[in-house]
Structures are given as C-alpha cells and as structure tokens.
PDB file of N, CA and C in Angstrom:
ATOM      1  N   UNK A   1       0.847  -1.176   0.000  1.00  0.00           N
ATOM      2  CA  UNK A   1       0.000   0.000   0.000  1.00  0.00           C
ATOM      3  C   UNK A   1       0.890   1.237   0.000  1.00  0.00           C
ATOM      4  N   UNK A   2       0.615   2.176  -0.874  1.00  0.00           N
ATOM      5  CA  UNK A   2       1.419   3.393  -0.949  1.00  0.00           C
ATOM      6  C   UNK A   2       0.719   4.528  -0.232  1.00  0.00           C
ATOM      7  N   UNK A   3       1.520   5.410   0.289  1.00  0.00           N
ATOM      8  CA  UNK A   3       0.978   6.564   1.016  1.00  0.00           C
ATOM      9  C   UNK A   3       0.502   7.620   0.042  1.00  0.00           C
ATOM     10  N   UNK A   4      -0.436   8.406   0.479  1.00  0.00           N
ATOM     11  CA  UNK A   4      -0.928   9.530  -0.332  1.00  0.00           C
ATOM     12  C   UNK A   4       0.157  10.592  -0.408  1.00  0.00           C
ATOM     13  N   UNK A   5       0.162  11.406  -1.467  1.00  0.00           N
ATOM     14  CA  UNK A   5       1.153  12.486  -1.554  1.00  0.00           C
ATOM     15  C   UNK A   5       1.094  13.369  -0.313  1.00  0.00           C
ATOM     16  N   UNK A   6       2.254  13.802   0.128  1.00  0.00           N
ATOM     17  CA  UNK A   6       2.318  14.569   1.371  1.00  0.00           C
ATOM     18  C   UNK A   6       2.365  16.069   1.131  1.00  0.00           C
ATOM     19  N   UNK A   7       1.815  16.526   0.028  1.00  0.00           N
ATOM     20  CA  UNK A   7       1.823  17.955  -0.236  1.00  0.00           C
ATOM     21  C   UNK A   7       0.407  18.432  -0.526  1.00  0.00           C
ATOM     22  N   UNK A   8       0.218  19.703  -0.288  1.00  0.00           N
ATOM     23  CA  UNK A   8      -1.085  20.335  -0.464  1.00  0.00           C
ATOM     24  C   UNK A   8      -1.198  20.840  -1.897  1.00  0.00           C
ATOM     25  N   UNK A   9      -2.311  20.558  -2.537  1.00  0.00           N
ATOM     26  CA  UNK A   9      -2.572  21.077  -3.875  1.00  0.00           C
ATOM     27  C   UNK A   9      -3.562  22.223  -3.777  1.00  0.00           C
ATOM     28  N   UNK A  10      -3.236  23.354  -4.403  1.00  0.00           N
ATOM     29  CA  UNK A  10      -4.201  24.456  -4.422  1.00  0.00           C
ATOM     30  C   UNK A  10      -5.510  24.005  -5.078  1.00  0.00           C
ATOM     31  N   UNK A  11      -6.591  24.576  -4.618  1.00  0.00           N
ATOM     32  CA  UNK A  11      -7.913  24.204  -5.118  1.00  0.00           C
ATOM     33  C   UNK A  11      -8.018  24.355  -6.636  1.00  0.00           C
ATOM     34  N   UNK A  12      -7.412  25.408  -7.172  1.00  0.00           N
ATOM     35  CA  UNK A  12      -7.462  25.637  -8.617  1.00  0.00           C
ATOM     36  C   UNK A  12      -6.762  24.511  -9.372  1.00  0.00           C
ATOM     37  N   UNK A  13      -5.657  24.013  -8.826  1.00  0.00           N
ATOM     38  CA  UNK A  13      -4.918  22.941  -9.473  1.00  0.00           C
ATOM     39  C   UNK A  13      -5.702  21.629  -9.425  1.00  0.00           C
ATOM     40  N   UNK A  14      -6.364  21.376  -8.326  1.00  0.00           N
ATOM     41  CA  UNK A  14      -7.219  20.191  -8.217  1.00  0.00           C
ATOM     42  C   UNK A  14      -8.328  20.272  -9.260  1.00  0.00           C
ATOM     43  N   UNK A  15      -8.926  21.442  -9.406  1.00  0.00           N
ATOM     44  CA  UNK A  15      -9.981  21.638 -10.404  1.00  0.00           C
ATOM     45  C   UNK A  15      -9.452  21.339 -11.808  1.00  0.00           C
ATOM     46  N   UNK A  16      -8.248  21.828 -12.117  1.00  0.00           N
ATOM     47  CA  UNK A  16      -7.672  21.599 -13.440  1.00  0.00           C
ATOM     48  C   UNK A  16      -7.377  20.119 -13.669  1.00  0.00           C
ATOM     49  N   UNK A  17      -6.902  19.441 -12.646  1.00  0.00           N
ATOM     50  CA  UNK A  17      -6.638  18.005 -12.767  1.00  0.00           C
ATOM     51  C   UNK A  17      -7.922  17.229 -13.051  1.00  0.00           C
ATOM     52  N   UNK A  18      -9.022  17.689 -12.501  1.00  0.00           N
ATOM     53  CA  UNK A  18     -10.296  16.991 -12.660  1.00  0.00           C
ATOM     54  C   UNK A  18     -11.089  17.446 -13.879  1.00  0.00           C
ATOM     55  N   UNK A  19     -10.689  18.541 -14.515  1.00  0.00           N
ATOM     56  CA  UNK A  19     -11.490  19.141 -15.587  1.00  0.00           C
ATOM     57  C   UNK A  19     -10.913  18.935 -16.972  1.00  0.00           C
ATOM     58  N   UNK A  20     -10.016  17.987 -17.119  1.00  0.00           N
ATOM     59  CA  UNK A  20      -9.327  17.839 -18.393  1.00  0.00           C
ATOM     60  C   UNK A  20     -10.285  17.555 -19.550  1.00  0.00           C
ATOM     61  N   UNK A  21     -11.404  16.917 -19.280  1.00  0.00           N
ATOM     62  CA  UNK A  21     -12.348  16.606 -20.356  1.00  0.00           C
ATOM     63  C   UNK A  21     -13.317  17.749 -20.640  1.00  0.00           C
ATOM     64  N   UNK A  22     -13.278  18.796 -19.822  1.00  0.00           N
ATOM     65  CA  UNK A  22     -14.210  19.909 -19.980  1.00  0.00           C
ATOM     66  C   UNK A  22     -13.541  21.188 -20.473  1.00  0.00           C
ATOM     67  N   UNK A  23     -12.233  21.262 -20.367  1.00  0.00           N
ATOM     68  CA  UNK A  23     -11.493  22.464 -20.761  1.00  0.00           C
ATOM     69  C   UNK A  23     -10.476  22.112 -21.834  1.00  0.00           C
ATOM     70  N   UNK A  24     -10.157  23.059 -22.711  1.00  0.00           N
ATOM     71  CA  UNK A  24      -9.099  22.802 -23.694  1.00  0.00           C
ATOM     72  C   UNK A  24      -7.756  22.593 -22.993  1.00  0.00           C
ATOM     73  N   UNK A  25      -6.915  21.736 -23.556  1.00  0.00           N
ATOM     74  CA  UNK A  25      -5.603  21.441 -22.966  1.00  0.00           C
ATOM     75  C   UNK A  25      -4.771  22.703 -22.814  1.00  0.00           C
ATOM     76  N   UNK A  26      -4.882  23.606 -23.774  1.00  0.00           N
ATOM     77  CA  UNK A  26      -4.120  24.849 -23.706  1.00  0.00           C
ATOM     78  C   UNK A  26      -4.533  25.682 -22.493  1.00  0.00           C
ATOM     79  N   UNK A  27      -5.815  25.700 -22.206  1.00  0.00           N
ATOM     80  CA  UNK A  27      -6.334  26.440 -21.048  1.00  0.00           C
ATOM     81  C   UNK A  27      -5.851  25.805 -19.745  1.00  0.00           C
ATOM     82  N   UNK A  28      -5.876  24.486 -19.694  1.00  0.00           N
ATOM     83  CA  UNK A  28      -5.400  23.777 -18.505  1.00  0.00           C
ATOM     84  C   UNK A  28      -3.929  24.093 -18.264  1.00  0.00           C
ATOM     85  N   UNK A  29      -3.121  24.000 -19.313  1.00  0.00           N
ATOM     86  CA  UNK A  29      -1.685  24.270 -19.180  1.00  0.00           C
ATOM     87  C   UNK A  29      -1.439  25.711 -18.749  1.00  0.00           C
ATOM     88  N   UNK A  30      -2.143  26.634 -19.379  1.00  0.00           N
ATOM     89  CA  UNK A  30      -1.970  28.060 -19.070  1.00  0.00           C
ATOM     90  C   UNK A  30      -2.303  28.354 -17.605  1.00  0.00           C
ATOM     91  N   UNK A  31      -3.365  27.773 -17.115  1.00  0.00           N
ATOM     92  CA  UNK A  31      -3.794  28.020 -15.731  1.00  0.00           C
ATOM     93  C   UNK A  31      -2.968  27.233 -14.712  1.00  0.00           C
ATOM     94  N   UNK A  32      -2.478  26.063 -15.088  1.00  0.00           N
ATOM     95  CA  UNK A  32      -1.741  25.214 -14.146  1.00  0.00           C
ATOM     96  C   UNK A  32      -0.299  25.649 -13.953  1.00  0.00           C
ATOM     97  N   UNK A  33       0.311  26.224 -14.969  1.00  0.00           N
ATOM     98  CA  UNK A  33       1.737  26.567 -14.880  1.00  0.00           C
ATOM     99  C   UNK A  33       2.102  27.426 -13.678  1.00  0.00           C
ATOM    100  N   UNK A  34       1.411  28.522 -13.417  1.00  0.00           N
ATOM    101  CA  UNK A  34       1.800  29.336 -12.257  1.00  0.00           C
ATOM    102  C   UNK A  34       1.758  28.557 -10.941  1.00  0.00           C
ATOM    103  N   UNK A  35       0.784  27.670 -10.802  1.00  0.00           N
ATOM    104  CA  UNK A  35       0.679  26.863  -9.585  1.00  0.00           C
ATOM    105  C   UNK A  35       1.813  25.843  -9.518  1.00  0.00           C
ATOM    106  N   UNK A  36       2.078  25.210 -10.649  1.00  0.00           N
ATOM    107  CA  UNK A  36       3.114  24.184 -10.694  1.00  0.00           C
ATOM    108  C   UNK A  36       4.496  24.766 -10.416  1.00  0.00           C
ATOM    109  N   UNK A  37       4.758  25.937 -10.959  1.00  0.00           N
ATOM    110  CA  UNK A  37       6.073  26.554 -10.791  1.00  0.00           C
ATOM    111  C   UNK A  37       6.319  27.027  -9.361  1.00  0.00           C
ATOM    112  N   UNK A  38       5.283  27.149  -8.560  1.00  0.00           N
ATOM    113  CA  UNK A  38       5.446  27.577  -7.160  1.00  0.00           C
ATOM    114  C   UNK A  38       6.018  26.484  -6.266  1.00  0.00           C
ATOM    115  N   UNK A  39       5.875  25.234  -6.662  1.00  0.00           N
ATOM    116  CA  UNK A  39       6.407  24.139  -5.851  1.00  0.00           C
ATOM    117  C   UNK A  39       7.926  24.170  -5.914  1.00  0.00           C
ATOM    118  N   UNK A  40       8.564  24.115  -4.753  1.00  0.00           N
ATOM    119  CA  UNK A  40      10.026  24.140  -4.718  1.00  0.00           C
ATOM    120  C   UNK A  40      10.618  22.751  -4.912  1.00  0.00           C
ATOM    121  N   UNK A  41       9.872  21.722  -4.618  1.00  0.00           N
ATOM    122  CA  UNK A  41      10.353  20.350  -4.722  1.00  0.00           C
ATOM    123  C   UNK A  41      10.169  19.833  -6.151  1.00  0.00           C
ATOM    124  N   UNK A  42      11.282  19.434  -6.784  1.00  0.00           N
ATOM    125  CA  UNK A  42      11.226  18.940  -8.160  1.00  0.00           C
ATOM    126  C   UNK A  42      10.374  17.681  -8.270  1.00  0.00           C
ATOM    127  N   UNK A  43      10.387  16.844  -7.246  1.00  0.00           N
ATOM    128  CA  UNK A  43       9.582  15.621  -7.288  1.00  0.00           C
ATOM    129  C   UNK A  43       8.091  15.958  -7.329  1.00  0.00           C
ATOM    130  N   UNK A  44       7.686  16.983  -6.592  1.00  0.00           N
ATOM    131  CA  UNK A  44       6.288  17.408  -6.618  1.00  0.00           C
ATOM    132  C   UNK A  44       5.929  17.955  -7.989  1.00  0.00           C
ATOM    133  N   UNK A  45       6.805  18.790  -8.542  1.00  0.00           N
ATOM    134  CA  UNK A  45       6.551  19.333  -9.880  1.00  0.00           C
ATOM    135  C   UNK A  45       6.413  18.207 -10.894  1.00  0.00           C
ATOM    136  N   UNK A  46       7.326  17.237 -10.814  1.00  0.00           N
ATOM    137  CA  UNK A  46       7.304  16.128 -11.768  1.00  0.00           C
ATOM    138  C   UNK A  46       6.027  15.303 -11.628  1.00  0.00           C
ATOM    139  N   UNK A  47       5.641  15.005 -10.397  1.00  0.00           N
ATOM    140  CA  UNK A  47       4.452  14.182 -10.168  1.00  0.00           C
ATOM    141  C   UNK A  47       3.176  14.887 -10.629  1.00  0.00           C
ATOM    142  N   UNK A  48       3.034  16.143 -10.278  1.00  0.00           N
ATOM    143  CA  UNK A  48       1.832  16.890 -10.667  1.00  0.00           C
ATOM    144  C   UNK A  48       1.828  17.134 -12.172  1.00  0.00           C
ATOM    145  N   UNK A  49       2.982  17.505 -12.724  1.00  0.00           N
ATOM    146  CA  UNK A  49       3.081  17.711 -14.169  1.00  0.00           C
ATOM    147  C   UNK A  49       2.755  16.445 -14.938  1.00  0.00           C
ATOM    148  N   UNK A  50       3.252  15.313 -14.453  1.00  0.00           N
ATOM    149  CA  UNK A  50       2.958  14.038 -15.105  1.00  0.00           C
ATOM    150  C   UNK A  50       1.468  13.733 -15.053  1.00  0.00           C
ATOM    151  N   UNK A  51       0.828  14.036 -13.936  1.00  0.00           N
ATOM    152  CA  UNK A  51      -0.610  13.779 -13.830  1.00  0.00           C
ATOM    153  C   UNK A  51      -1.397  14.670 -14.792  1.00  0.00           C
ATOM    154  N   UNK A  52      -1.017  15.934 -14.873  1.00  0.00           N
ATOM    155  CA  UNK A  52      -1.680  16.834 -15.826  1.00  0.00           C
ATOM    156  C   UNK A  52      -1.502  16.324 -17.254  1.00  0.00           C
ATOM    157  N   UNK A  53      -0.259  15.967 -17.607  1.00  0.00           N
ATOM    158  CA  UNK A  53       0.012  15.478 -18.960  1.00  0.00           C
ATOM    159  C   UNK A  53      -0.695  14.153 -19.223  1.00  0.00           C
ATOM    160  N   UNK A  54      -0.753  13.300 -18.219  1.00  0.00           N
ATOM    161  CA  UNK A  54      -1.454  12.025 -18.370  1.00  0.00           C
ATOM    162  C   UNK A  54      -2.940  12.251 -18.633  1.00  0.00           C
ATOM    163  N   UNK A  55      -3.533  13.155 -17.882  1.00  0.00           N
ATOM    164  CA  UNK A  55      -4.950  13.466 -18.091  1.00  0.00           C
ATOM    165  C   UNK A  55      -5.181  14.038 -19.485  1.00  0.00           C
ATOM    166  N   UNK A  56      -4.285  14.914 -19.928  1.00  0.00           N
ATOM    167  CA  UNK A  56      -4.412  15.496 -21.271  1.00  0.00           C
ATOM    168  C   UNK A  56      -4.245  14.413 -22.326  1.00  0.00           C
ATOM    169  N   UNK A  57      -3.279  13.504 -22.128  1.00  0.00           N
ATOM    170  CA  UNK A  57      -3.023  12.462 -23.127  1.00  0.00           C
ATOM    171  C   UNK A  57      -4.188  11.494 -23.262  1.00  0.00           C
ATOM    172  N   UNK A  58      -4.981  11.346 -22.217  1.00  0.00           N
ATOM    173  CA  UNK A  58      -6.132  10.440 -22.255  1.00  0.00           C
ATOM    174  C   UNK A  58      -7.376  11.095 -22.839  1.00  0.00           C
ATOM    175  N   UNK A  59      -7.311  12.387 -23.079  1.00  0.00           N
ATOM    176  CA  UNK A  59      -8.468  13.080 -23.646  1.00  0.00           C
ATOM    177  C   UNK A  59      -8.434  12.953 -25.165  1.00  0.00           C
ATOM    178  N   UNK A  60      -9.459  13.448 -25.796  1.00  0.00           N
ATOM    179  CA  UNK A  60      -9.541  13.357 -27.253  1.00  0.00           C
ATOM    180  C   UNK A  60      -9.126  14.658 -27.929  1.00  0.00           C
ATOM    181  N   UNK A  61      -8.380  15.498 -27.227  1.00  0.00           N
ATOM    182  CA  UNK A  61      -7.988  16.789 -27.787  1.00  0.00           C
ATOM    183  C   UNK A  61      -6.773  16.632 -28.706  1.00  0.00           C
ATOM    184  N   UNK A  62      -6.485  17.667 -29.452  1.00  0.00           N
ATOM    185  CA  UNK A  62      -5.357  17.625 -30.383  1.00  0.00           C
ATOM    186  C   UNK A  62      -4.016  17.616 -29.670  1.00  0.00           C
ATOM    187  N   UNK A  63      -3.981  18.029 -28.428  1.00  0.00           N
ATOM    188  CA  UNK A  63      -2.732  18.065 -27.663  1.00  0.00           C
ATOM    189  C   UNK A  63      -2.399  16.721 -27.025  1.00  0.00           C
ATOM    190  N   UNK A  64      -3.252  15.726 -27.170  1.00  0.00           N
ATOM    191  CA  UNK A  64      -3.035  14.428 -26.522  1.00  0.00           C
ATOM    192  C   UNK A  64      -1.727  13.784 -26.974  1.00  0.00           C
ATOM    193  N   UNK A  65      -1.425  13.870 -28.254  1.00  0.00           N
ATOM    194  CA  UNK A  65      -0.187  13.263 -28.764  1.00  0.00           C
ATOM    195  C   UNK A  65       1.041  13.960 -28.193  1.00  0.00           C
ATOM    196  N   UNK A  66       0.988  15.270 -28.100  1.00  0.00           N
ATOM    197  CA  UNK A  66       2.103  16.030 -27.530  1.00  0.00           C
ATOM    198  C   UNK A  66       2.305  15.677 -26.055  1.00  0.00           C
ATOM    199  N   UNK A  67       1.229  15.533 -25.326  1.00  0.00           N
ATOM    200  CA  UNK A  67       1.317  15.158 -23.913  1.00  0.00           C
ATOM    201  C   UNK A  67       1.881  13.749 -23.768  1.00  0.00           C
ATOM    202  N   UNK A  68       1.464  12.839 -24.632  1.00  0.00           N
ATOM    203  CA  UNK A  68       1.986  11.470 -24.595  1.00  0.00           C
ATOM    204  C   UNK A  68       3.477  11.438 -24.876  1.00  0.00           C
ATOM    205  N   UNK A  69       3.908  12.260 -25.816  1.00  0.00           N
ATOM    206  CA  UNK A  69       5.333  12.330 -26.144  1.00  0.00           C
ATOM    207  C   UNK A  69       6.136  12.836 -24.943  1.00  0.00           C
ATOM    208  N   UNK A  70       5.629  13.841 -24.260  1.00  0.00           N
ATOM    209  CA  UNK A  70       6.312  14.368 -23.073  1.00  0.00           C
ATOM    210  C   UNK A  70       6.374  13.311 -21.973  1.00  0.00           C
ATOM    211  N   UNK A  71       5.305  12.553 -21.806  1.00  0.00           N
ATOM    212  CA  UNK A  71       5.304  11.483 -20.803  1.00  0.00           C
ATOM    213  C   UNK A  71       6.326  10.403 -21.141  1.00  0.00           C
ATOM    214  N   UNK A  72       6.490  10.111 -22.434  1.00  0.00           N
ATOM    215  CA  UNK A  72       7.485   9.119 -22.848  1.00  0.00           C
ATOM    216  C   UNK A  72       8.896   9.594 -22.521  1.00  0.00           C
ATOM    217  N   UNK A  73       9.153  10.878 -22.717  1.00  0.00           N
ATOM    218  CA  UNK A  73      10.464  11.432 -22.368  1.00  0.00           C
ATOM    219  C   UNK A  73      10.660  11.388 -20.856  1.00  0.00           C
ATOM    220  N   UNK A  74       9.632  11.742 -20.114  1.00  0.00           N
ATOM    221  CA  UNK A  74       9.722  11.713 -18.652  1.00  0.00           C
ATOM    222  C   UNK A  74      10.001  10.302 -18.143  1.00  0.00           C
ATOM    223  N   UNK A  75       9.472   9.300 -18.819  1.00  0.00           N
ATOM    224  CA  UNK A  75       9.664   7.910 -18.400  1.00  0.00           C
ATOM    225  C   UNK A  75      11.121   7.475 -18.511  1.00  0.00           C
ATOM    226  N   UNK A  76      11.907   8.180 -19.306  1.00  0.00           N
ATOM    227  CA  UNK A  76      13.329   7.848 -19.451  1.00  0.00           C
ATOM    228  C   UNK A  76      14.136   8.249 -18.219  1.00  0.00           C
ATOM    229  N   UNK A  77      13.566   9.061 -17.354  1.00  0.00           N
ATOM    230  CA  UNK A  77      14.251   9.545 -16.150  1.00  0.00           C
ATOM    231  C   UNK A  77      13.439   9.200 -14.898  1.00  0.00           C
ATOM    232  N   UNK A  78      13.163   7.921 -14.655  1.00  0.00           N
ATOM    233  CA  UNK A  78      12.255   7.587 -13.549  1.00  0.00           C
ATOM    234  C   UNK A  78      12.765   7.977 -12.165  1.00  0.00           C
ATOM    235  N   UNK A  79      14.071   8.058 -12.000  1.00  0.00           N
ATOM    236  CA  UNK A  79      14.624   8.344 -10.675  1.00  0.00           C
ATOM    237  C   UNK A  79      15.257   9.728 -10.580  1.00  0.00           C
ATOM    238  N   UNK A  80      14.985  10.580 -11.563  1.00  0.00           N
ATOM    239  CA  UNK A  80      15.579  11.915 -11.588  1.00  0.00           C
ATOM    240  C   UNK A  80      14.469  12.957 -11.698  1.00  0.00           C
ATOM    241  N   UNK A  81      14.012  13.494 -10.570  1.00  0.00           N
ATOM    242  CA  UNK A  81      12.857  14.399 -10.603  1.00  0.00           C
ATOM    243  C   UNK A  81      13.108  15.717 -11.323  1.00  0.00           C
ATOM    244  N   UNK A  82      14.325  16.256 -11.276  1.00  0.00           N
ATOM    245  CA  UNK A  82      14.546  17.551 -11.938  1.00  0.00           C
ATOM    246  C   UNK A  82      14.346  17.476 -13.445  1.00  0.00           C
ATOM    247  N   UNK A  83      14.955  16.495 -14.144  1.00  0.00           N
ATOM    248  CA  UNK A  83      14.676  16.416 -15.585  1.00  0.00           C
ATOM    249  C   UNK A  83      13.209  16.130 -15.880  1.00  0.00           C
ATOM    250  N   UNK A  84      12.579  15.297 -15.062  1.00  0.00           N
ATOM    251  CA  UNK A  84      11.157  15.004 -15.267  1.00  0.00           C
ATOM    252  C   UNK A  84      10.327  16.271 -15.108  1.00  0.00           C
ATOM    253  N   UNK A  85      10.631  17.059 -14.091  1.00  0.00           N
ATOM    254  CA  UNK A  85       9.908  18.314 -13.871  1.00  0.00           C
ATOM    255  C   UNK A  85      10.150  19.277 -15.021  1.00  0.00           C
ATOM    256  N   UNK A  86      11.390  19.342 -15.500  1.00  0.00           N
ATOM    257  CA  UNK A  86      11.713  20.248 -16.607  1.00  0.00           C
ATOM    258  C   UNK A  86      10.947  19.868 -17.870  1.00  0.00           C
ATOM    259  N   UNK A  87      10.847  18.579 -18.146  1.00  0.00           N
ATOM    260  CA  UNK A  87      10.103  18.121 -19.326  1.00  0.00           C
ATOM    261  C   UNK A  87       8.623  18.466 -19.175  1.00  0.00           C
ATOM    262  N   UNK A  88       8.064  18.217 -18.013  1.00  0.00           N
ATOM    263  CA  UNK A  88       6.644  18.513 -17.786  1.00  0.00           C
ATOM    264  C   UNK A  88       6.361  19.997 -17.952  1.00  0.00           C
ATOM    265  N   UNK A  89       7.200  20.829 -17.363  1.00  0.00           N
ATOM    266  CA  UNK A  89       6.984  22.276 -17.452  1.00  0.00           C
ATOM    267  C   UNK A  89       7.167  22.758 -18.884  1.00  0.00           C
ATOM    268  N   UNK A  90       8.170  22.231 -19.584  1.00  0.00           N
ATOM    269  CA  UNK A  90       8.376  22.632 -20.984  1.00  0.00           C
ATOM    270  C   UNK A  90       7.171  22.248 -21.843  1.00  0.00           C
ATOM    271  N   UNK A  91       6.643  21.051 -21.636  1.00  0.00           N
ATOM    272  CA  UNK A  91       5.476  20.616 -22.413  1.00  0.00           C
ATOM    273  C   UNK A  91       4.262  21.487 -22.106  1.00  0.00           C
ATOM    274  N   UNK A  92       4.053  21.778 -20.840  1.00  0.00           N
ATOM    275  CA  UNK A  92       2.913  22.623 -20.465  1.00  0.00           C
ATOM    276  C   UNK A  92       3.090  24.050 -20.972  1.00  0.00           C
ATOM    277  N   UNK A  93       4.325  24.552 -20.971  1.00  0.00           N
ATOM    278  CA  UNK A  93       4.574  25.891 -21.528  1.00  0.00           C
ATOM    279  C   UNK A  93       4.287  25.910 -23.021  1.00  0.00           C
ATOM    280  N   UNK A  94       4.641  24.830 -23.712  1.00  0.00           N
ATOM    281  CA  UNK A  94       4.330  24.744 -25.139  1.00  0.00           C
ATOM    282  C   UNK A  94       2.836  24.796 -25.395  1.00  0.00           C
ATOM    283  N   UNK A  95       2.087  24.063 -24.595  1.00  0.00           N
ATOM    284  CA  UNK A  95       0.628  24.089 -24.730  1.00  0.00           C
ATOM    285  C   UNK A  95       0.063  25.451 -24.355  1.00  0.00           C
ATOM    286  N   UNK A  96       0.575  26.035 -23.290  1.00  0.00           N
ATOM    287  CA  UNK A  96       0.099  27.355 -22.859  1.00  0.00           C
ATOM    288  C   UNK A  96       0.416  28.411 -23.908  1.00  0.00           C
ATOM    289  N   UNK A  97       1.544  28.256 -24.584  1.00  0.00           N
ATOM    290  CA  UNK A  97       1.914  29.196 -25.640  1.00  0.00           C
ATOM    291  C   UNK A  97       0.922  29.196 -26.787  1.00  0.00           C
ATOM    292  N   UNK A  98       0.328  28.050 -27.044  1.00  0.00           N
ATOM    293  CA  UNK A  98      -0.700  27.982 -28.093  1.00  0.00           C
ATOM    294  C   UNK A  98      -1.919  28.815 -27.717  1.00  0.00           C
ATOM    295  N   UNK A  99      -2.259  28.834 -26.430  1.00  0.00           N
ATOM    296  CA  UNK A  99      -3.397  29.640 -25.977  1.00  0.00           C
ATOM    297  C   UNK A  99      -3.095  31.111 -26.184  1.00  0.00           C
ATOM    298  N   UNK A 100      -1.866  31.510 -25.861  1.00  0.00           N
ATOM    299  CA  UNK A 100      -1.473  32.909 -26.027  1.00  0.00           C
ATOM    300  C   UNK A 100      -1.438  33.312 -27.492  1.00  0.00           C
ATOM    301  N   UNK A 101      -1.105  32.362 -28.368  1.00  0.00           N
ATOM    302  CA  UNK A 101      -1.025  32.662 -29.794  1.00  0.00           C
ATOM    303  C   UNK A 101      -2.410  32.757 -30.431  1.00  0.00           C
ATOM    304  N   UNK A 102      -3.379  32.116 -29.815  1.00  0.00           N
ATOM    305  CA  UNK A 102      -4.731  32.092 -30.400  1.00  0.00           C
ATOM    306  C   UNK A 102      -5.477  33.376 -30.198  1.00  0.00           C
TER     307      UNK A 102
END
C-alpha cells in the first residue's frame, strides 16, 4: 500500500486536474503553470506535471499526442525528478503558448 502524496494542492490545481475533459488542454496548461512553478520540490513538480500530462493524453484533444510524447520522455528519467519536472513544465509551456497565440 502506498501513502498519499504529502503535499497540499491548491484548489485551482485540483480543479484543473479533474477538468481535463471539460477544458481545452491549452487552457489547462496556461492556468496550471503558475501553480506548478510555485512548488520548490522537483519531485512534486514532476508528479503533478505528469498527472496533468497524463490526463491530457487520455483526452480526445489535439494536444493528446504532444502530452503522450512528453510522458514518454519523462519515463526515461524515472529516478531523476529535476529532468522530469523540466520536461513537464516545458510541455505545459508549449501548450500554454498555443493559448497565447490564439
């Protein structure tokens, strides 16, 4: 049995994690980034970023393939949270950039 994560998630971030099928991926990324970047622990960033990307990859949006690709890269560094966090943030910034461009 594994323990629950020992960190607090802001209410807005919980909403975004649960709303992946109701909001565009670009909107989720744009809104989640400021919250994600506030975490000082790279493992927390990696875990939350992976969950956001996983939720996006399971949706039927056009960004699903991009999220899946980022998750595949993250899987190459299972024991290194900083590179995993960097990949997650870069992928989410790419998606958020599409919202800004639109």
